Amino acid sequence: MLSSRSLAALIGITLSGIALTACQDQASGQIIARNDARIVETLSNPPIHGCHRFPAGVTHINNQTQSSLLLYATPDCTVPRGGQSDYLDIGASDYAVRTTGLWQSFSFAPD
């Protein structure tokens, strides 16, 4: 039988692990960005806060993270007048359409 001190330590470690997981600052997984067949960027475990700019415009995104994305045709994660952002769910991929232009940035969708 566990002593009360050992049990308290085990519970404390477990609760710390749960709290750290809930306050995670990185998306777990990868985002792969392509321009046609050429890989532009591969991001592993990117930070979930802020705007992320691609080094070049991309036509295809593969979201292999545990978080949903918002894709933008602007370099600063803003929606131009009359435009829109594109939502990309967990584990999904998408192609930019000619009417929106290349994606230049992304942010993580709020939970």
C-alpha atoms as a PDB file:
ATOM      1  CA  MET A   1       0.000   0.000   0.000  1.00  0.00           C
ATOM      2  CA  LEU A   2       1.285   3.468  -0.868  1.00  0.00           C
ATOM      3  CA  SER A   3       2.106   5.783   1.991  1.00  0.00           C
ATOM      4  CA  SER A   4       0.201   9.053   2.170  1.00  0.00           C
ATOM      5  CA  ARG A   5       3.362  10.969   1.247  1.00  0.00           C
ATOM      6  CA  SER A   6       3.955   8.838  -1.869  1.00  0.00           C
ATOM      7  CA  LEU A   7       0.311   9.120  -2.853  1.00  0.00           C
ATOM      8  CA  ALA A   8       0.391  12.903  -2.445  1.00  0.00           C
ATOM      9  CA  ALA A   9       3.533  13.120  -4.612  1.00  0.00           C
ATOM     10  CA  LEU A  10       1.962  10.925  -7.303  1.00  0.00           C
ATOM     11  CA  ILE A  11      -1.215  13.048  -7.350  1.00  0.00           C
ATOM     12  CA  GLY A  12       0.854  16.257  -7.500  1.00  0.00           C
ATOM     13  CA  ILE A  13       2.888  15.002 -10.470  1.00  0.00           C
ATOM     14  CA  THR A  14      -0.272  13.897 -12.276  1.00  0.00           C
ATOM     15  CA  LEU A  15      -2.016  17.244 -11.747  1.00  0.00           C
ATOM     16  CA  SER A  16       1.090  19.140 -12.901  1.00  0.00           C
ATOM     17  CA  GLY A  17       1.164  17.107 -16.095  1.00  0.00           C
ATOM     18  CA  ILE A  18      -2.503  17.797 -16.782  1.00  0.00           C
ATOM     19  CA  ALA A  19      -2.044  21.534 -16.144  1.00  0.00           C
ATOM     20  CA  LEU A  20       0.994  21.743 -18.426  1.00  0.00           C
ATOM     21  CA  THR A  21      -0.846  19.951 -21.215  1.00  0.00           C
ATOM     22  CA  ALA A  22      -3.834  22.294 -20.929  1.00  0.00           C
ATOM     23  CA  CYS A  23      -1.598  25.387 -21.141  1.00  0.00           C
ATOM     24  CA  GLN A  24       0.362  24.199 -24.134  1.00  0.00           C
ATOM     25  CA  ASP A  25       1.852  27.011 -26.243  1.00  0.00           C
ATOM     26  CA  GLN A  26       2.598  24.824 -29.274  1.00  0.00           C
ATOM     27  CA  ALA A  27       0.435  22.906 -31.711  1.00  0.00           C
ATOM     28  CA  SER A  28       1.333  19.244 -31.656  1.00  0.00           C
ATOM     29  CA  GLY A  29       2.155  17.972 -35.158  1.00  0.00           C
ATOM     30  CA  GLN A  30       3.212  19.359 -38.534  1.00  0.00           C
ATOM     31  CA  ILE A  31       1.999  21.851 -41.099  1.00  0.00           C
ATOM     32  CA  ILE A  32       3.265  21.223 -44.631  1.00  0.00           C
ATOM     33  CA  ALA A  33       2.958  24.095 -47.118  1.00  0.00           C
ATOM     34  CA  ARG A  34       3.506  23.625 -50.868  1.00  0.00           C
ATOM     35  CA  ASN A  35       3.461  25.719 -53.982  1.00  0.00           C
ATOM     36  CA  ASP A  36       2.278  23.183 -56.548  1.00  0.00           C
ATOM     37  CA  ALA A  37       4.664  20.217 -56.038  1.00  0.00           C
ATOM     38  CA  ARG A  38       7.461  22.191 -54.331  1.00  0.00           C
ATOM     39  CA  ILE A  39       7.520  22.202 -50.515  1.00  0.00           C
ATOM     40  CA  VAL A  40       7.736  25.809 -49.321  1.00  0.00           C
ATOM     41  CA  GLU A  41       7.852  25.106 -45.598  1.00  0.00           C
ATOM     42  CA  THR A  42       7.387  22.339 -43.043  1.00  0.00           C
ATOM     43  CA  LEU A  43       6.602  23.479 -39.507  1.00  0.00           C
ATOM     44  CA  SER A  44       6.831  21.076 -36.581  1.00  0.00           C
ATOM     45  CA  ASN A  45       5.023  21.937 -33.348  1.00  0.00           C
ATOM     46  CA  PRO A  46       4.583  25.642 -34.212  1.00  0.00           C
ATOM     47  CA  PRO A  47       3.572  28.171 -31.540  1.00  0.00           C
ATOM     48  CA  ILE A  48      -0.202  28.598 -31.391  1.00  0.00           C
ATOM     49  CA  HIS A  49      -0.149  32.351 -30.772  1.00  0.00           C
ATOM     50  CA  GLY A  50       0.218  35.091 -33.361  1.00  0.00           C
ATOM     51  CA  CYS A  51       0.437  35.252 -37.123  1.00  0.00           C
ATOM     52  CA  HIS A  52       2.730  32.913 -39.064  1.00  0.00           C
ATOM     53  CA  ARG A  53       3.990  34.102 -42.450  1.00  0.00           C
ATOM     54  CA  PHE A  54       5.013  31.704 -45.208  1.00  0.00           C
ATOM     55  CA  PRO A  55       8.357  32.537 -46.890  1.00  0.00           C
ATOM     56  CA  ALA A  56       6.568  32.330 -50.273  1.00  0.00           C
ATOM     57  CA  GLY A  57       2.929  32.059 -51.325  1.00  0.00           C
ATOM     58  CA  VAL A  58       1.483  28.552 -51.078  1.00  0.00           C
ATOM     59  CA  THR A  59      -1.175  26.667 -53.032  1.00  0.00           C
ATOM     60  CA  HIS A  60      -1.621  23.644 -50.753  1.00  0.00           C
ATOM     61  CA  ILE A  61      -1.661  23.185 -46.965  1.00  0.00           C
ATOM     62  CA  ASN A  62      -1.652  19.893 -45.112  1.00  0.00           C
ATOM     63  CA  ASN A  63      -2.616  20.398 -41.451  1.00  0.00           C
ATOM     64  CA  GLN A  64      -1.305  17.466 -39.434  1.00  0.00           C
ATOM     65  CA  THR A  65      -1.621  19.259 -36.089  1.00  0.00           C
ATOM     66  CA  GLN A  66      -4.193  18.884 -33.338  1.00  0.00           C
ATOM     67  CA  SER A  67      -5.462  22.440 -33.971  1.00  0.00           C
ATOM     68  CA  SER A  68      -7.542  24.091 -36.694  1.00  0.00           C
ATOM     69  CA  LEU A  69      -6.046  26.840 -38.881  1.00  0.00           C
ATOM     70  CA  LEU A  70      -7.194  30.066 -40.489  1.00  0.00           C
ATOM     71  CA  LEU A  71      -5.471  30.716 -43.849  1.00  0.00           C
ATOM     72  CA  TYR A  72      -5.006  34.210 -45.289  1.00  0.00           C
ATOM     73  CA  ALA A  73      -4.054  35.636 -48.691  1.00  0.00           C
ATOM     74  CA  THR A  74      -2.318  38.521 -46.888  1.00  0.00           C
ATOM     75  CA  PRO A  75       1.113  38.369 -45.195  1.00  0.00           C
ATOM     76  CA  ASP A  76      -0.211  39.713 -41.864  1.00  0.00           C
ATOM     77  CA  CYS A  77      -3.219  37.463 -41.138  1.00  0.00           C
ATOM     78  CA  THR A  78      -5.744  40.130 -42.035  1.00  0.00           C
ATOM     79  CA  VAL A  79      -8.829  39.779 -44.189  1.00  0.00           C
ATOM     80  CA  PRO A  80      -8.898  42.284 -47.063  1.00  0.00           C
ATOM     81  CA  ARG A  81     -12.083  44.234 -47.745  1.00  0.00           C
ATOM     82  CA  GLY A  82     -14.524  41.906 -49.481  1.00  0.00           C
ATOM     83  CA  GLY A  83     -12.254  38.911 -48.817  1.00  0.00           C
ATOM     84  CA  GLN A  84     -12.266  36.103 -46.314  1.00  0.00           C
ATOM     85  CA  SER A  85     -10.017  33.701 -44.451  1.00  0.00           C
ATOM     86  CA  ASP A  86     -10.196  29.954 -45.060  1.00  0.00           C
ATOM     87  CA  TYR A  87     -10.786  27.529 -42.184  1.00  0.00           C
ATOM     88  CA  LEU A  88      -8.751  24.309 -42.243  1.00  0.00           C
ATOM     89  CA  ASP A  89      -9.768  21.656 -39.728  1.00  0.00           C
ATOM     90  CA  ILE A  90      -7.545  19.235 -37.815  1.00  0.00           C
ATOM     91  CA  GLY A  91      -5.971  16.593 -40.079  1.00  0.00           C
ATOM     92  CA  ALA A  92      -7.310  18.195 -43.282  1.00  0.00           C
ATOM     93  CA  SER A  93      -5.683  19.603 -46.402  1.00  0.00           C
ATOM     94  CA  ASP A  94      -6.803  22.275 -48.822  1.00  0.00           C
ATOM     95  CA  TYR A  95      -5.875  23.937 -52.121  1.00  0.00           C
ATOM     96  CA  ALA A  96      -5.981  27.671 -52.716  1.00  0.00           C
ATOM     97  CA  VAL A  97      -8.426  28.602 -55.426  1.00  0.00           C
ATOM     98  CA  ARG A  98      -7.527  31.061 -58.169  1.00  0.00           C
ATOM     99  CA  THR A  99     -10.047  33.638 -56.967  1.00  0.00           C
ATOM    100  CA  THR A 100      -8.469  34.016 -53.516  1.00  0.00           C
ATOM    101  CA  GLY A 101      -4.835  33.910 -54.612  1.00  0.00           C
ATOM    102  CA  LEU A 102      -1.945  32.227 -52.832  1.00  0.00           C
ATOM    103  CA  TRP A 103      -1.969  31.864 -49.064  1.00  0.00           C
ATOM    104  CA  GLN A 104       0.690  34.001 -47.463  1.00  0.00           C
ATOM    105  CA  SER A 105       0.018  33.503 -43.739  1.00  0.00           C
ATOM    106  CA  PHE A 106      -1.952  31.543 -41.156  1.00  0.00           C
ATOM    107  CA  SER A 107      -3.038  31.648 -37.555  1.00  0.00           C
ATOM    108  CA  PHE A 108      -4.594  29.076 -35.282  1.00  0.00           C
ATOM    109  CA  ALA A 109      -8.372  29.171 -34.973  1.00  0.00           C
ATOM    110  CA  PRO A 110      -9.719  29.944 -31.515  1.00  0.00           C
ATOM    111  CA  ASP A 111     -11.042  26.943 -29.627  1.00  0.00           C
END
